[in-house]
C-alpha cells in the first residue's frame, strides 16, 4: 500500500500524522496494535480531501473520535486511522447555543455550558466521548441524550461534499442516528440550551459525576456500558443474575462494581475482551432467552 500520497496531503495542509501509531493510546480500553498511518485532520477541507484520496485509491480507513467505544485488534489496522481530535475541537458559545467541532470532548461542552449558565447537558457530564461520536450514537445517560440538545450538524457526505443537517432529519433514537447507517463524517455540532441558574447547573453536574464514581468502575480502562439496554430489562441485571459478575477471561473482566461494564483488569488483549463479550452474550441468551447487543465497535485485522 503506497501511503506517500497521504503523507504529501498532510505536509501540504500542515497536518500531524504518524506512521505505525500505537492504537492502544487512542482507545479508552487501552488495547490494540499499530496502524499503518494515523492522521489528525486540522479542518474540513483537509478532511474532505483525505477521504477522497482514501476512497479513490482503495485505501482502508477508519474515522476515530476519542475511542471511548472502540476496541482495536492487537494485530493492528492495515490502513489509515483518521483521528478527529483537538485540531477539529473548537467550541464557541453565543446566546443559548454552543457550536463544537466534532473532535471536542463532550465534557468540554458541558463545562462551556456551565460557564455560560446554560442548562441541558448536565446529565451528559462525564461521558468520555467526543461531540461527533456522541451525536453519531446519540449518547445519553441519566435520562438525557444528545437528542435533547442537538439542533444541527455539519458533515462530509458519501461524495466528500460538506453538508448541513437539521436535527429533525438525524433519526435520533436510543444509541442510534442516521449517521449509523450512512458513510458520512460529522465535522461539527450545534446545540441549543436553556438559560439556567449556574449554581443549580453545577450542583446537578456534581451529582451526576458522583453517581458515576459511586457506581461505575472508572478506575479501570473500559468502553463504558458494554451492551445496549434490552427491551423490558437491564443488561447489568441479566449478567449478574447469570452469575457472571467478576467473571474473567485473561485480563478482561466483568466488573465487580457494575456488571454492565467489561473492563481491562490489566494486560487484557483484544481477543480477551471480545471472547468475554461473546461468553456473556451466549450465557445470557441460553439462561435468560435474551439476545444482548454489544455497543463496542471492533476495528482491525
C-alpha atoms as a PDB file:
ATOM      1  CA  UNK A   1       0.000   0.000   0.000  1.00  0.00           C
ATOM      2  CA  UNK A   2       1.518   3.319  -1.105  1.00  0.00           C
ATOM      3  CA  UNK A   3       0.837   5.899   1.596  1.00  0.00           C
ATOM      4  CA  UNK A   4       3.076   8.590   0.117  1.00  0.00           C
ATOM      5  CA  UNK A   5       0.004  10.375  -1.255  1.00  0.00           C
ATOM      6  CA  UNK A   6      -1.408  10.574   2.292  1.00  0.00           C
ATOM      7  CA  UNK A   7       1.873  11.931   3.617  1.00  0.00           C
ATOM      8  CA  UNK A   8       2.013  14.526   0.815  1.00  0.00           C
ATOM      9  CA  UNK A   9      -1.502  15.729   1.659  1.00  0.00           C
ATOM     10  CA  UNK A  10      -0.599  16.041   5.330  1.00  0.00           C
ATOM     11  CA  UNK A  11       2.517  18.047   4.528  1.00  0.00           C
ATOM     12  CA  UNK A  12       0.547  20.300   2.185  1.00  0.00           C
ATOM     13  CA  UNK A  13      -2.029  21.080   4.877  1.00  0.00           C
ATOM     14  CA  UNK A  14       0.479  21.135   7.750  1.00  0.00           C
ATOM     15  CA  UNK A  15      -1.399  18.258   9.344  1.00  0.00           C
ATOM     16  CA  UNK A  16       0.022  15.988  12.028  1.00  0.00           C
ATOM     17  CA  UNK A  17       0.493  12.333  11.067  1.00  0.00           C
ATOM     18  CA  UNK A  18       2.283   9.296  12.462  1.00  0.00           C
ATOM     19  CA  UNK A  19       3.385   6.042  10.859  1.00  0.00           C
ATOM     20  CA  UNK A  20       2.923   2.849  12.891  1.00  0.00           C
ATOM     21  CA  UNK A  21       0.938   4.669  15.571  1.00  0.00           C
ATOM     22  CA  UNK A  22       0.179   2.561  18.692  1.00  0.00           C
ATOM     23  CA  UNK A  23      -3.614   2.343  18.730  1.00  0.00           C
ATOM     24  CA  UNK A  24      -3.903   1.452  22.414  1.00  0.00           C
ATOM     25  CA  UNK A  25      -3.139   5.120  23.107  1.00  0.00           C
ATOM     26  CA  UNK A  26      -6.298   6.103  21.233  1.00  0.00           C
ATOM     27  CA  UNK A  27      -8.769   3.729  22.898  1.00  0.00           C
ATOM     28  CA  UNK A  28     -10.266   4.008  26.374  1.00  0.00           C
ATOM     29  CA  UNK A  29      -9.929   0.200  26.652  1.00  0.00           C
ATOM     30  CA  UNK A  30      -6.147   0.594  26.194  1.00  0.00           C
ATOM     31  CA  UNK A  31      -5.663  -2.321  23.802  1.00  0.00           C
ATOM     32  CA  UNK A  32      -4.621  -2.533  20.165  1.00  0.00           C
ATOM     33  CA  UNK A  33      -1.687  -2.936  17.832  1.00  0.00           C
ATOM     34  CA  UNK A  34      -0.391  -0.409  15.321  1.00  0.00           C
ATOM     35  CA  UNK A  35      -1.939   1.192  12.253  1.00  0.00           C
ATOM     36  CA  UNK A  36      -0.072   1.928   9.039  1.00  0.00           C
ATOM     37  CA  UNK A  37      -0.611   5.662   9.478  1.00  0.00           C
ATOM     38  CA  UNK A  38      -2.661   7.867  11.786  1.00  0.00           C
ATOM     39  CA  UNK A  39      -3.721  11.314  10.563  1.00  0.00           C
ATOM     40  CA  UNK A  40      -5.146  14.193  12.612  1.00  0.00           C
ATOM     41  CA  UNK A  41      -7.071  16.424  10.156  1.00  0.00           C
ATOM     42  CA  UNK A  42      -6.975  20.127  11.027  1.00  0.00           C
ATOM     43  CA  UNK A  43     -10.042  21.236   9.092  1.00  0.00           C
ATOM     44  CA  UNK A  44     -12.998  20.287   6.932  1.00  0.00           C
ATOM     45  CA  UNK A  45     -11.209  20.884   3.627  1.00  0.00           C
ATOM     46  CA  UNK A  46      -8.258  18.707   4.545  1.00  0.00           C
ATOM     47  CA  UNK A  47     -10.592  16.007   5.909  1.00  0.00           C
ATOM     48  CA  UNK A  48     -12.660  16.007   2.718  1.00  0.00           C
ATOM     49  CA  UNK A  49      -9.522  15.654   0.606  1.00  0.00           C
ATOM     50  CA  UNK A  50      -8.227  12.855   2.808  1.00  0.00           C
ATOM     51  CA  UNK A  51     -11.478  10.925   2.498  1.00  0.00           C
ATOM     52  CA  UNK A  52     -11.477  11.416  -1.281  1.00  0.00           C
ATOM     53  CA  UNK A  53      -7.922  10.129  -1.628  1.00  0.00           C
ATOM     54  CA  UNK A  54      -8.605   7.068   0.513  1.00  0.00           C
ATOM     55  CA  UNK A  55     -11.713   6.165  -1.476  1.00  0.00           C
ATOM     56  CA  UNK A  56     -10.173   6.764  -4.911  1.00  0.00           C
ATOM     57  CA  UNK A  57      -7.104   4.692  -4.046  1.00  0.00           C
ATOM     58  CA  UNK A  58      -8.968   1.916  -2.194  1.00  0.00           C
ATOM     59  CA  UNK A  59      -7.048   2.649   0.998  1.00  0.00           C
ATOM     60  CA  UNK A  60      -8.894   1.272   4.054  1.00  0.00           C
ATOM     61  CA  UNK A  61      -9.688   3.924   6.658  1.00  0.00           C
ATOM     62  CA  UNK A  62     -11.491   4.295   9.959  1.00  0.00           C
ATOM     63  CA  UNK A  63     -12.728   7.580  11.433  1.00  0.00           C
ATOM     64  CA  UNK A  64     -11.962   7.815  15.151  1.00  0.00           C
ATOM     65  CA  UNK A  65     -13.032  10.246  17.845  1.00  0.00           C
ATOM     66  CA  UNK A  66     -11.927   9.764  21.453  1.00  0.00           C
ATOM     67  CA  UNK A  67     -12.054   5.976  21.127  1.00  0.00           C
ATOM     68  CA  UNK A  68     -14.398   5.536  24.080  1.00  0.00           C
ATOM     69  CA  UNK A  69     -16.435   2.852  22.330  1.00  0.00           C
ATOM     70  CA  UNK A  70     -13.740   1.166  20.240  1.00  0.00           C
ATOM     71  CA  UNK A  71     -11.632  -1.974  20.703  1.00  0.00           C
ATOM     72  CA  UNK A  72      -8.696  -2.167  18.305  1.00  0.00           C
ATOM     73  CA  UNK A  73      -7.304  -5.545  17.342  1.00  0.00           C
ATOM     74  CA  UNK A  74      -3.913  -6.407  18.799  1.00  0.00           C
ATOM     75  CA  UNK A  75      -2.959  -7.248  15.225  1.00  0.00           C
ATOM     76  CA  UNK A  76      -3.427  -3.605  14.336  1.00  0.00           C
ATOM     77  CA  UNK A  77      -5.177  -1.869  11.444  1.00  0.00           C
ATOM     78  CA  UNK A  78      -3.951  -2.058   7.868  1.00  0.00           C
ATOM     79  CA  UNK A  79      -4.785   1.386   6.528  1.00  0.00           C
ATOM     80  CA  UNK A  80      -5.416   4.947   7.730  1.00  0.00           C
ATOM     81  CA  UNK A  81      -6.841   5.909  11.108  1.00  0.00           C
ATOM     82  CA  UNK A  82      -8.408   9.371  10.733  1.00  0.00           C
ATOM     83  CA  UNK A  83      -8.361  10.837  14.227  1.00  0.00           C
ATOM     84  CA  UNK A  84     -10.847  13.680  14.665  1.00  0.00           C
ATOM     85  CA  UNK A  85      -9.367  15.303  17.759  1.00  0.00           C
ATOM     86  CA  UNK A  86      -8.484  18.661  19.249  1.00  0.00           C
ATOM     87  CA  UNK A  87      -7.385  20.004  15.856  1.00  0.00           C
ATOM     88  CA  UNK A  88     -11.102  19.976  14.988  1.00  0.00           C
ATOM     89  CA  UNK A  89     -12.343  20.609  18.517  1.00  0.00           C
ATOM     90  CA  UNK A  90     -13.064  24.315  18.783  1.00  0.00           C
ATOM     91  CA  UNK A  91     -16.034  25.434  20.913  1.00  0.00           C
ATOM     92  CA  UNK A  92     -17.986  28.695  20.631  1.00  0.00           C
ATOM     93  CA  UNK A  93     -20.967  29.887  22.678  1.00  0.00           C
ATOM     94  CA  UNK A  94     -23.456  32.507  21.537  1.00  0.00           C
ATOM     95  CA  UNK A  95     -26.631  33.329  23.452  1.00  0.00           C
ATOM     96  CA  UNK A  96     -28.307  29.954  24.141  1.00  0.00           C
ATOM     97  CA  UNK A  97     -26.331  27.942  21.578  1.00  0.00           C
ATOM     98  CA  UNK A  98     -22.979  26.192  21.574  1.00  0.00           C
ATOM     99  CA  UNK A  99     -21.224  25.016  18.420  1.00  0.00           C
ATOM    100  CA  UNK A 100     -18.449  22.480  18.861  1.00  0.00           C
ATOM    101  CA  UNK A 101     -16.094  20.784  16.463  1.00  0.00           C
ATOM    102  CA  UNK A 102     -16.609  17.033  16.226  1.00  0.00           C
ATOM    103  CA  UNK A 103     -13.289  16.434  17.968  1.00  0.00           C
ATOM    104  CA  UNK A 104     -14.207  18.432  21.073  1.00  0.00           C
ATOM    105  CA  UNK A 105     -14.683  16.458  24.266  1.00  0.00           C
ATOM    106  CA  UNK A 106     -18.330  16.260  25.314  1.00  0.00           C
ATOM    107  CA  UNK A 107     -17.190  17.162  28.830  1.00  0.00           C
ATOM    108  CA  UNK A 108     -15.721  20.398  27.474  1.00  0.00           C
ATOM    109  CA  UNK A 109     -19.125  21.304  26.036  1.00  0.00           C
ATOM    110  CA  UNK A 110     -20.746  20.622  29.415  1.00  0.00           C
ATOM    111  CA  UNK A 111     -18.216  22.914  31.108  1.00  0.00           C
ATOM    112  CA  UNK A 112     -18.753  25.630  28.483  1.00  0.00           C
ATOM    113  CA  UNK A 113     -22.492  25.403  29.108  1.00  0.00           C
ATOM    114  CA  UNK A 114     -21.864  25.811  32.848  1.00  0.00           C
ATOM    115  CA  UNK A 115     -19.635  28.844  32.288  1.00  0.00           C
ATOM    116  CA  UNK A 116     -22.447  30.459  30.288  1.00  0.00           C
ATOM    117  CA  UNK A 117     -25.252  29.411  32.692  1.00  0.00           C
ATOM    118  CA  UNK A 118     -26.796  27.174  30.039  1.00  0.00           C
ATOM    119  CA  UNK A 119     -28.828  24.165  31.122  1.00  0.00           C
ATOM    120  CA  UNK A 120     -29.480  20.975  29.142  1.00  0.00           C
ATOM    121  CA  UNK A 121     -26.263  18.950  29.143  1.00  0.00           C
ATOM    122  CA  UNK A 122     -25.880  18.226  32.860  1.00  0.00           C
ATOM    123  CA  UNK A 123     -26.843  14.556  32.547  1.00  0.00           C
ATOM    124  CA  UNK A 124     -24.228  14.068  29.818  1.00  0.00           C
ATOM    125  CA  UNK A 125     -21.386  15.213  32.051  1.00  0.00           C
ATOM    126  CA  UNK A 126     -18.796  12.510  32.477  1.00  0.00           C
ATOM    127  CA  UNK A 127     -19.469  10.702  29.196  1.00  0.00           C
ATOM    128  CA  UNK A 128     -15.906  10.264  27.900  1.00  0.00           C
ATOM    129  CA  UNK A 129     -16.552  10.610  24.175  1.00  0.00           C
ATOM    130  CA  UNK A 130     -16.195  13.345  21.580  1.00  0.00           C
ATOM    131  CA  UNK A 131     -19.034  15.547  20.341  1.00  0.00           C
ATOM    132  CA  UNK A 132     -19.036  13.858  16.938  1.00  0.00           C
ATOM    133  CA  UNK A 133     -19.085  10.392  18.459  1.00  0.00           C
ATOM    134  CA  UNK A 134     -21.806  11.426  20.904  1.00  0.00           C
ATOM    135  CA  UNK A 135     -24.084  12.580  18.087  1.00  0.00           C
ATOM    136  CA  UNK A 136     -23.229   9.551  15.935  1.00  0.00           C
ATOM    137  CA  UNK A 137     -24.604   7.187  18.603  1.00  0.00           C
ATOM    138  CA  UNK A 138     -26.987   9.632  20.303  1.00  0.00           C
ATOM    139  CA  UNK A 139     -25.076   9.201  23.550  1.00  0.00           C
ATOM    140  CA  UNK A 140     -27.007   9.565  26.759  1.00  0.00           C
ATOM    141  CA  UNK A 141     -27.114   8.932  30.488  1.00  0.00           C
ATOM    142  CA  UNK A 142     -29.347   9.520  33.492  1.00  0.00           C
ATOM    143  CA  UNK A 143     -32.329  10.357  31.312  1.00  0.00           C
ATOM    144  CA  UNK A 144     -30.569  12.815  28.998  1.00  0.00           C
ATOM    145  CA  UNK A 145     -29.498  12.326  25.360  1.00  0.00           C
ATOM    146  CA  UNK A 146     -27.797  14.292  22.602  1.00  0.00           C
ATOM    147  CA  UNK A 147     -31.241  14.282  21.010  1.00  0.00           C
ATOM    148  CA  UNK A 148     -32.356  16.734  23.693  1.00  0.00           C
ATOM    149  CA  UNK A 149     -29.886  19.458  22.717  1.00  0.00           C
ATOM    150  CA  UNK A 150     -28.787  18.860  19.087  1.00  0.00           C
ATOM    151  CA  UNK A 151     -30.018  21.464  16.594  1.00  0.00           C
ATOM    152  CA  UNK A 152     -27.899  20.794  13.516  1.00  0.00           C
ATOM    153  CA  UNK A 153     -24.550  19.487  12.365  1.00  0.00           C
ATOM    154  CA  UNK A 154     -22.085  19.895   9.548  1.00  0.00           C
ATOM    155  CA  UNK A 155     -20.816  16.731   7.923  1.00  0.00           C
ATOM    156  CA  UNK A 156     -18.987  15.383   4.900  1.00  0.00           C
ATOM    157  CA  UNK A 157     -21.233  13.115   2.867  1.00  0.00           C
ATOM    158  CA  UNK A 158     -20.522   9.966   0.870  1.00  0.00           C
ATOM    159  CA  UNK A 159     -19.374  12.089  -2.097  1.00  0.00           C
ATOM    160  CA  UNK A 160     -16.996  14.169   0.069  1.00  0.00           C
ATOM    161  CA  UNK A 161     -19.247  17.226  -0.037  1.00  0.00           C
ATOM    162  CA  UNK A 162     -19.620  19.457   3.008  1.00  0.00           C
ATOM    163  CA  UNK A 163     -23.291  19.472   4.037  1.00  0.00           C
ATOM    164  CA  UNK A 164     -25.516  20.573   6.893  1.00  0.00           C
ATOM    165  CA  UNK A 165     -28.390  18.678   8.502  1.00  0.00           C
ATOM    166  CA  UNK A 166     -31.083  19.700  10.960  1.00  0.00           C
ATOM    167  CA  UNK A 167     -31.798  17.508  13.971  1.00  0.00           C
ATOM    168  CA  UNK A 168     -35.231  16.601  12.605  1.00  0.00           C
ATOM    169  CA  UNK A 169     -33.507  14.585   9.852  1.00  0.00           C
ATOM    170  CA  UNK A 170     -30.988  12.788  12.081  1.00  0.00           C
ATOM    171  CA  UNK A 171     -33.301   9.947  13.169  1.00  0.00           C
ATOM    172  CA  UNK A 172     -32.014  10.203  16.734  1.00  0.00           C
ATOM    173  CA  UNK A 173     -33.209   7.312  18.886  1.00  0.00           C
ATOM    174  CA  UNK A 174     -31.724   5.025  21.523  1.00  0.00           C
ATOM    175  CA  UNK A 175     -27.987   4.751  20.670  1.00  0.00           C
ATOM    176  CA  UNK A 176     -28.745   5.429  17.017  1.00  0.00           C
ATOM    177  CA  UNK A 177     -28.666   8.150  14.382  1.00  0.00           C
ATOM    178  CA  UNK A 178     -28.874   8.361  10.612  1.00  0.00           C
ATOM    179  CA  UNK A 179     -25.080   8.510  10.641  1.00  0.00           C
ATOM    180  CA  UNK A 180     -25.011   4.956  11.986  1.00  0.00           C
ATOM    181  CA  UNK A 181     -26.286   3.861   8.571  1.00  0.00           C
ATOM    182  CA  UNK A 182     -24.548   6.326   6.247  1.00  0.00           C
ATOM    183  CA  UNK A 183     -20.851   6.651   5.469  1.00  0.00           C
ATOM    184  CA  UNK A 184     -20.680  10.293   6.478  1.00  0.00           C
ATOM    185  CA  UNK A 185     -18.275  12.093   8.812  1.00  0.00           C
ATOM    186  CA  UNK A 186     -19.606  14.648  11.298  1.00  0.00           C
ATOM    187  CA  UNK A 187     -17.409  17.752  11.499  1.00  0.00           C
ATOM    188  CA  UNK A 188     -19.276  19.988  13.967  1.00  0.00           C
ATOM    189  CA  UNK A 189     -22.471  20.075  16.017  1.00  0.00           C
ATOM    190  CA  UNK A 190     -24.659  22.988  17.102  1.00  0.00           C
ATOM    191  CA  UNK A 191     -26.626  22.527  20.328  1.00  0.00           C
ATOM    192  CA  UNK A 192     -29.384  24.567  21.952  1.00  0.00           C
ATOM    193  CA  UNK A 193     -29.755  25.103  25.695  1.00  0.00           C
ATOM    194  CA  UNK A 194     -31.956  26.949  28.156  1.00  0.00           C
ATOM    195  CA  UNK A 195     -30.764  29.759  30.385  1.00  0.00           C
ATOM    196  CA  UNK A 196     -30.437  28.458  33.913  1.00  0.00           C
ATOM    197  CA  UNK A 197     -29.017  29.086  37.353  1.00  0.00           C
ATOM    198  CA  UNK A 198     -25.268  28.485  37.365  1.00  0.00           C
ATOM    199  CA  UNK A 199     -25.211  27.082  40.890  1.00  0.00           C
ATOM    200  CA  UNK A 200     -28.046  24.666  40.118  1.00  0.00           C
ATOM    201  CA  UNK A 201     -26.366  23.526  36.903  1.00  0.00           C
ATOM    202  CA  UNK A 202     -23.095  22.871  38.732  1.00  0.00           C
ATOM    203  CA  UNK A 203     -24.886  21.027  41.531  1.00  0.00           C
ATOM    204  CA  UNK A 204     -26.515  18.677  39.022  1.00  0.00           C
ATOM    205  CA  UNK A 205     -23.209  18.101  37.201  1.00  0.00           C
ATOM    206  CA  UNK A 206     -21.506  17.299  40.505  1.00  0.00           C
ATOM    207  CA  UNK A 207     -24.337  14.913  41.399  1.00  0.00           C
ATOM    208  CA  UNK A 208     -24.074  13.113  38.053  1.00  0.00           C
ATOM    209  CA  UNK A 209     -20.294  12.771  38.367  1.00  0.00           C
ATOM    210  CA  UNK A 210     -20.582  11.426  41.909  1.00  0.00           C
ATOM    211  CA  UNK A 211     -23.129   8.839  40.766  1.00  0.00           C
ATOM    212  CA  UNK A 212     -20.669   7.732  38.076  1.00  0.00           C
ATOM    213  CA  UNK A 213     -17.846   7.419  40.601  1.00  0.00           C
ATOM    214  CA  UNK A 214     -20.045   5.507  43.040  1.00  0.00           C
ATOM    215  CA  UNK A 215     -21.469   3.006  40.544  1.00  0.00           C
ATOM    216  CA  UNK A 216     -19.040   2.695  37.646  1.00  0.00           C
ATOM    217  CA  UNK A 217     -15.504   1.201  37.533  1.00  0.00           C
ATOM    218  CA  UNK A 218     -13.860   4.420  36.384  1.00  0.00           C
ATOM    219  CA  UNK A 219     -10.518   3.287  37.816  1.00  0.00           C
ATOM    220  CA  UNK A 220     -10.135   0.666  35.052  1.00  0.00           C
ATOM    221  CA  UNK A 221      -9.955   1.021  31.254  1.00  0.00           C
ATOM    222  CA  UNK A 222     -13.299   0.203  29.631  1.00  0.00           C
ATOM    223  CA  UNK A 223     -15.662   1.208  26.842  1.00  0.00           C
ATOM    224  CA  UNK A 224     -18.373   2.244  29.280  1.00  0.00           C
ATOM    225  CA  UNK A 225     -21.603   0.266  29.145  1.00  0.00           C
ATOM    226  CA  UNK A 226     -20.746  -2.773  27.051  1.00  0.00           C
ATOM    227  CA  UNK A 227     -24.282  -3.676  25.966  1.00  0.00           C
ATOM    228  CA  UNK A 228     -27.340  -1.773  24.850  1.00  0.00           C
ATOM    229  CA  UNK A 229     -30.341  -1.855  27.135  1.00  0.00           C
ATOM    230  CA  UNK A 230     -32.544  -4.800  26.133  1.00  0.00           C
ATOM    231  CA  UNK A 231     -36.294  -4.375  25.856  1.00  0.00           C
ATOM    232  CA  UNK A 232     -38.026  -4.553  29.237  1.00  0.00           C
ATOM    233  CA  UNK A 233     -34.854  -5.025  31.220  1.00  0.00           C
ATOM    234  CA  UNK A 234     -31.274  -4.074  32.008  1.00  0.00           C
ATOM    235  CA  UNK A 235     -28.150  -5.783  30.708  1.00  0.00           C
ATOM    236  CA  UNK A 236     -26.277  -5.463  34.012  1.00  0.00           C
ATOM    237  CA  UNK A 237     -29.066  -7.182  35.963  1.00  0.00           C
ATOM    238  CA  UNK A 238     -29.255 -10.062  33.477  1.00  0.00           C
ATOM    239  CA  UNK A 239     -25.489 -10.530  33.532  1.00  0.00           C
ATOM    240  CA  UNK A 240     -25.415 -10.545  37.323  1.00  0.00           C
ATOM    241  CA  UNK A 241     -28.334 -12.980  37.551  1.00  0.00           C
ATOM    242  CA  UNK A 242     -26.327 -15.359  35.358  1.00  0.00           C
ATOM    243  CA  UNK A 243     -23.529 -15.328  37.925  1.00  0.00           C
ATOM    244  CA  UNK A 244     -21.077 -13.553  35.651  1.00  0.00           C
ATOM    245  CA  UNK A 245     -20.141 -10.651  37.920  1.00  0.00           C
ATOM    246  CA  UNK A 246     -16.366 -10.817  38.280  1.00  0.00           C
ATOM    247  CA  UNK A 247     -16.021 -13.496  35.581  1.00  0.00           C
ATOM    248  CA  UNK A 248     -12.710 -13.120  33.799  1.00  0.00           C
ATOM    249  CA  UNK A 249     -11.006 -14.243  30.596  1.00  0.00           C
ATOM    250  CA  UNK A 250      -7.330 -13.319  30.531  1.00  0.00           C
ATOM    251  CA  UNK A 251      -7.064  -9.701  31.564  1.00  0.00           C
ATOM    252  CA  UNK A 252     -10.698  -8.892  30.681  1.00  0.00           C
ATOM    253  CA  UNK A 253     -13.277  -8.994  33.460  1.00  0.00           C
ATOM    254  CA  UNK A 254     -16.960  -8.354  34.084  1.00  0.00           C
ATOM    255  CA  UNK A 255     -16.628  -5.524  36.565  1.00  0.00           C
ATOM    256  CA  UNK A 256     -17.290  -6.451  40.179  1.00  0.00           C
ATOM    257  CA  UNK A 257     -18.592  -2.917  40.672  1.00  0.00           C
ATOM    258  CA  UNK A 258     -21.031  -2.801  37.728  1.00  0.00           C
ATOM    259  CA  UNK A 259     -21.895  -5.937  35.742  1.00  0.00           C
ATOM    260  CA  UNK A 260     -22.697  -3.898  32.645  1.00  0.00           C
ATOM    261  CA  UNK A 261     -19.030  -2.989  32.205  1.00  0.00           C
ATOM    262  CA  UNK A 262     -16.324  -5.182  30.709  1.00  0.00           C
ATOM    263  CA  UNK A 263     -13.018  -3.813  31.968  1.00  0.00           C
ATOM    264  CA  UNK A 264      -9.335  -4.241  31.243  1.00  0.00           C
ATOM    265  CA  UNK A 265      -8.259  -5.531  34.651  1.00  0.00           C
ATOM    266  CA  UNK A 266      -4.652  -5.452  33.472  1.00  0.00           C
ATOM    267  CA  UNK A 267      -2.845  -6.803  30.436  1.00  0.00           C
ATOM    268  CA  UNK A 268      -6.014  -7.685  28.544  1.00  0.00           C
ATOM    269  CA  UNK A 269      -5.794  -8.384  24.827  1.00  0.00           C
ATOM    270  CA  UNK A 270      -8.447  -7.539  22.278  1.00  0.00           C
ATOM    271  CA  UNK A 271      -9.147 -11.272  21.987  1.00  0.00           C
ATOM    272  CA  UNK A 272      -9.658 -11.499  25.776  1.00  0.00           C
ATOM    273  CA  UNK A 273     -12.194  -8.696  25.660  1.00  0.00           C
ATOM    274  CA  UNK A 274     -14.196  -9.939  22.706  1.00  0.00           C
ATOM    275  CA  UNK A 275     -14.095 -13.553  23.942  1.00  0.00           C
ATOM    276  CA  UNK A 276     -15.580 -12.350  27.219  1.00  0.00           C
ATOM    277  CA  UNK A 277     -18.238 -10.330  25.377  1.00  0.00           C
ATOM    278  CA  UNK A 278     -19.244 -13.411  23.361  1.00  0.00           C
ATOM    279  CA  UNK A 279     -19.302 -15.562  26.506  1.00  0.00           C
ATOM    280  CA  UNK A 280     -21.636 -13.075  28.195  1.00  0.00           C
ATOM    281  CA  UNK A 281     -23.945 -12.921  25.169  1.00  0.00           C
ATOM    282  CA  UNK A 282     -24.081 -16.703  24.885  1.00  0.00           C
ATOM    283  CA  UNK A 283     -24.713 -17.245  28.600  1.00  0.00           C
ATOM    284  CA  UNK A 284     -27.460 -14.616  28.840  1.00  0.00           C
ATOM    285  CA  UNK A 285     -29.137 -15.958  25.701  1.00  0.00           C
ATOM    286  CA  UNK A 286     -29.071 -19.553  26.982  1.00  0.00           C
ATOM    287  CA  UNK A 287     -30.128 -18.789  30.566  1.00  0.00           C
ATOM    288  CA  UNK A 288     -32.450 -15.804  30.082  1.00  0.00           C
ATOM    289  CA  UNK A 289     -33.568 -16.056  26.473  1.00  0.00           C
ATOM    290  CA  UNK A 290     -32.371 -12.510  25.817  1.00  0.00           C
ATOM    291  CA  UNK A 291     -30.008 -11.537  22.997  1.00  0.00           C
ATOM    292  CA  UNK A 292     -27.745  -8.726  24.176  1.00  0.00           C
ATOM    293  CA  UNK A 293     -26.458  -6.265  21.586  1.00  0.00           C
ATOM    294  CA  UNK A 294     -22.888  -5.093  22.090  1.00  0.00           C
ATOM    295  CA  UNK A 295     -22.165  -1.364  21.896  1.00  0.00           C
ATOM    296  CA  UNK A 296     -18.435  -1.845  21.295  1.00  0.00           C
ATOM    297  CA  UNK A 297     -17.099  -1.260  17.777  1.00  0.00           C
ATOM    298  CA  UNK A 298     -14.256  -3.618  16.847  1.00  0.00           C
ATOM    299  CA  UNK A 299     -11.619  -2.343  14.433  1.00  0.00           C
ATOM    300  CA  UNK A 300      -8.619  -4.043  12.877  1.00  0.00           C
ATOM    301  CA  UNK A 301      -7.199  -7.078  11.156  1.00  0.00           C
END
